[in-house]
Amino acid sequence: MTGTVVAVSLSDRHAFSKAQLRVIHLLAGLGVEGDAHCGKNVQHLSRVARDPSQPNLRQVHLIHAELHDELAKRGFEVPPGSMGENITTRGIDILAFPTGTRLSFGKAVIEITGLRNPCVQLDRFQPGLLAAVLGRGADGALIRKAGVMGIVVAGGPVKPGDAIEMELPVAPHIPLATV
């Protein structure tokens, strides 16, 4: 299964949205070079306040462009990077992958650690957006559609147009949970 990189983004500040760039550089064990969330230990402000020694399982944030399409049909204007993602993908169902799935972008490799837990900042960006990125499965379980988080296993550049190769972890597969 392959997908494509639609956009890449970063912010050197703990801002909600990130600026789109021509290329980002992934650093093994750290994240996106120059991004506020880059680091071996947790960088998310609320998590730093609780325990700054936690490992950073949220080095890279990925969102599928299909979510942007879905949101546009519901009247939201959400360009790539605006919900804080570093990499916007198309053509792969990133929410369906198990924990530990590896995504390769040429030399760069990200291992998916879990789901992004959407928060109230989405409604501050556009009212109603938080509810729009949540859903319910046939069994009534909450579905979080705001993307996945990962760690950088191998560094390298990532740019729009890059192919994304997917490698599942060894079974048994563990479903994604929030990180």
Protein backbone atom coordinates (compact mmCIF):
# COMPACT_ATOMS: atom_id res chain seq x y z
CA MET A 1 0.00 0.00 0.00
CA THR A 2 1.40 3.40 -0.94
CA GLY A 3 0.26 6.94 -0.42
CA THR A 4 1.54 10.40 -1.23
CA VAL A 5 2.70 13.40 0.81
CA VAL A 6 0.38 16.34 0.06
CA ALA A 7 2.05 18.95 2.28
CA VAL A 8 4.67 19.39 4.99
CA SER A 9 4.54 21.96 7.78
CA LEU A 10 6.27 23.11 10.96
CA SER A 11 6.24 25.83 13.57
CA ASP A 12 9.08 26.81 15.87
CA ARG A 13 6.49 28.03 18.41
CA HIS A 14 3.81 26.16 20.32
CA ALA A 15 1.17 27.58 17.99
CA PHE A 16 -1.92 25.70 16.86
CA SER A 17 -1.27 25.92 13.11
CA LYS A 18 1.98 25.27 11.27
CA ALA A 19 3.33 26.96 8.13
CA GLN A 20 3.56 24.90 4.94
CA LEU A 21 7.07 24.51 3.56
CA ARG A 22 8.71 22.97 0.50
CA VAL A 23 10.56 20.42 2.63
CA ILE A 24 10.95 19.38 6.26
CA HIS A 25 13.81 17.38 7.73
CA LEU A 26 13.15 14.52 10.13
CA LEU A 27 15.75 13.85 12.83
CA ALA A 28 15.99 10.29 14.18
CA GLY A 29 14.74 10.05 17.76
CA LEU A 30 13.78 13.74 17.86
CA GLY A 31 11.15 14.78 15.30
CA VAL A 32 10.93 17.59 12.77
CA GLU A 33 13.98 19.84 12.72
CA GLY A 34 13.00 23.33 13.85
CA ASP A 35 9.54 22.33 15.11
CA ALA A 36 8.50 23.22 18.66
CA HIS A 37 7.63 19.56 19.32
CA CYS A 38 11.08 18.27 18.36
CA GLY A 39 12.88 16.53 21.19
CA LYS A 40 13.69 13.20 22.82
CA ASN A 41 11.40 13.98 25.77
CA VAL A 42 7.81 15.18 25.59
CA GLN A 43 7.41 18.73 24.25
CA HIS A 44 3.61 19.14 24.37
CA LEU A 45 3.15 21.88 26.98
CA SER A 46 0.45 20.22 29.09
CA ARG A 47 2.44 16.97 29.19
CA VAL A 48 5.67 18.79 30.08
CA ALA A 49 3.84 20.34 33.04
CA ARG A 50 2.87 16.85 34.29
CA ASP A 51 6.19 15.06 33.70
CA PRO A 52 8.93 16.51 31.47
CA SER A 53 10.90 13.25 31.56
CA GLN A 54 8.30 11.30 29.53
CA PRO A 55 9.51 10.01 26.16
CA ASN A 56 8.24 12.05 23.22
CA LEU A 57 5.79 9.78 21.41
CA ARG A 58 4.40 12.82 19.57
CA GLN A 59 7.44 13.87 17.53
CA VAL A 60 5.52 14.01 14.24
CA HIS A 61 1.82 14.63 13.62
CA LEU A 62 0.24 13.24 10.44
CA ILE A 63 -3.26 13.96 9.08
CA HIS A 64 -4.87 12.43 6.01
CA ALA A 65 -5.99 14.93 3.35
CA GLU A 66 -9.22 12.94 3.07
CA LEU A 67 -10.18 14.47 6.44
CA HIS A 68 -9.69 17.95 4.98
CA ASP A 69 -11.96 16.92 2.08
CA GLU A 70 -14.62 15.65 4.50
CA LEU A 71 -14.42 18.84 6.55
CA ALA A 72 -14.69 21.05 3.44
CA LYS A 73 -17.96 19.30 2.53
CA ARG A 74 -19.22 20.28 5.98
CA GLY A 75 -18.29 23.95 5.47
CA PHE A 76 -14.91 24.09 7.21
CA GLU A 77 -11.84 25.64 5.62
CA VAL A 78 -8.91 23.58 6.85
CA PRO A 79 -5.77 23.79 4.71
CA PRO A 80 -2.80 21.49 5.37
CA GLY A 81 -0.88 22.42 8.52
CA SER A 82 -3.76 24.35 10.03
CA MET A 83 -4.61 21.64 12.58
CA GLY A 84 -0.98 21.39 13.66
CA GLU A 85 0.10 18.50 11.49
CA ASN A 86 3.63 18.17 10.13
CA ILE A 87 2.76 15.82 7.26
CA THR A 88 -0.47 15.72 5.28
CA THR A 89 -0.98 12.40 3.49
CA ARG A 90 -3.30 11.12 0.77
CA GLY A 91 -4.19 7.62 -0.33
CA ILE A 92 -3.53 5.65 2.86
CA ASP A 93 -5.89 5.09 5.78
CA ILE A 94 -3.54 6.19 8.56
CA LEU A 95 -6.26 5.80 11.20
CA ALA A 96 -6.64 2.09 10.43
CA PHE A 97 -2.98 1.18 10.96
CA PRO A 98 -1.94 -0.65 14.12
CA THR A 99 0.52 0.80 16.62
CA GLY A 100 4.08 0.33 15.37
CA THR A 101 3.28 0.68 11.66
CA ARG A 102 6.22 2.25 9.84
CA LEU A 103 5.80 4.83 7.12
CA SER A 104 8.77 5.42 4.81
CA PHE A 105 9.33 8.63 2.86
CA GLY A 106 12.46 7.72 0.93
CA LYS A 107 15.19 7.49 3.60
CA ALA A 108 13.02 8.96 6.36
CA VAL A 109 10.94 6.55 8.47
CA ILE A 110 8.24 7.30 11.05
CA GLU A 111 6.78 4.72 13.43
CA ILE A 112 3.17 5.40 14.41
CA THR A 113 2.74 5.56 18.18
CA GLY A 114 -0.96 6.41 18.45
CA LEU A 115 -3.89 8.69 17.74
CA ARG A 116 -3.98 12.42 18.27
CA ASN A 117 -6.56 13.23 20.90
CA PRO A 118 -8.45 16.24 19.51
CA CYS A 119 -8.88 19.10 21.95
CA VAL A 120 -10.79 22.35 22.45
CA GLN A 121 -8.16 24.27 20.45
CA LEU A 122 -9.92 22.96 17.34
CA ASP A 123 -13.05 24.95 18.28
CA ARG A 124 -10.92 28.04 18.91
CA PHE A 125 -9.62 27.66 15.34
CA GLN A 126 -13.11 27.16 13.87
CA PRO A 127 -16.25 26.71 15.98
CA GLY A 128 -17.66 23.19 15.68
CA LEU A 129 -14.42 21.67 14.38
CA LEU A 130 -13.85 19.52 17.46
CA ALA A 131 -17.19 17.75 17.02
CA ALA A 132 -16.51 17.41 13.28
CA VAL A 133 -13.31 15.39 13.87
CA LEU A 134 -15.05 13.00 16.24
CA GLY A 135 -17.43 10.26 15.25
CA ARG A 136 -19.03 7.06 16.50
CA GLY A 137 -18.48 3.57 15.16
CA ALA A 138 -21.26 1.05 14.57
CA ASP A 139 -20.60 -0.22 18.12
CA GLY A 140 -20.90 3.29 19.57
CA ALA A 141 -17.16 3.61 20.22
CA LEU A 142 -15.63 7.07 19.85
CA ILE A 143 -13.66 7.56 16.62
CA ARG A 144 -10.91 10.20 16.66
CA LYS A 145 -10.16 11.44 13.13
CA ALA A 146 -7.60 14.20 13.92
CA GLY A 147 -4.61 12.17 12.74
CA VAL A 148 -1.85 10.06 14.19
CA MET A 149 1.36 10.72 16.05
CA GLY A 150 4.72 9.09 15.52
CA ILE A 151 8.40 8.96 16.30
CA VAL A 152 11.24 9.32 13.81
CA VAL A 153 13.11 6.04 13.33
CA ALA A 154 15.32 7.23 10.45
CA GLY A 155 15.95 10.84 9.49
CA GLY A 156 15.80 12.50 6.13
CA PRO A 157 13.89 15.05 4.07
CA VAL A 158 10.16 14.84 3.38
CA LYS A 159 8.43 16.97 0.75
CA PRO A 160 5.12 17.17 -1.11
CA GLY A 161 4.88 14.54 -3.83
CA ASP A 162 6.98 11.98 -1.95
CA ALA A 163 5.65 8.43 -2.03
CA ILE A 164 4.75 6.85 1.30
CA GLU A 165 5.47 3.16 1.79
CA MET A 166 3.79 1.33 4.67
CA GLU A 167 5.12 -1.63 6.70
CA LEU A 168 2.95 -3.31 9.31
CA PRO A 169 4.52 -4.49 12.58
CA VAL A 170 4.78 -8.16 13.47
CA ALA A 171 1.45 -9.61 14.64
CA PRO A 172 -0.42 -9.52 16.91
CA HIS A 173 -1.42 -5.99 15.94
CA ILE A 174 -2.28 -3.48 18.64
CA PRO A 175 -5.01 -0.98 17.70
CA LEU A 176 -4.14 2.71 17.93
CA ALA A 177 -4.91 4.47 21.20
CA THR A 178 -4.41 8.13 22.09
CA VAL A 179 -0.90 9.29 22.98
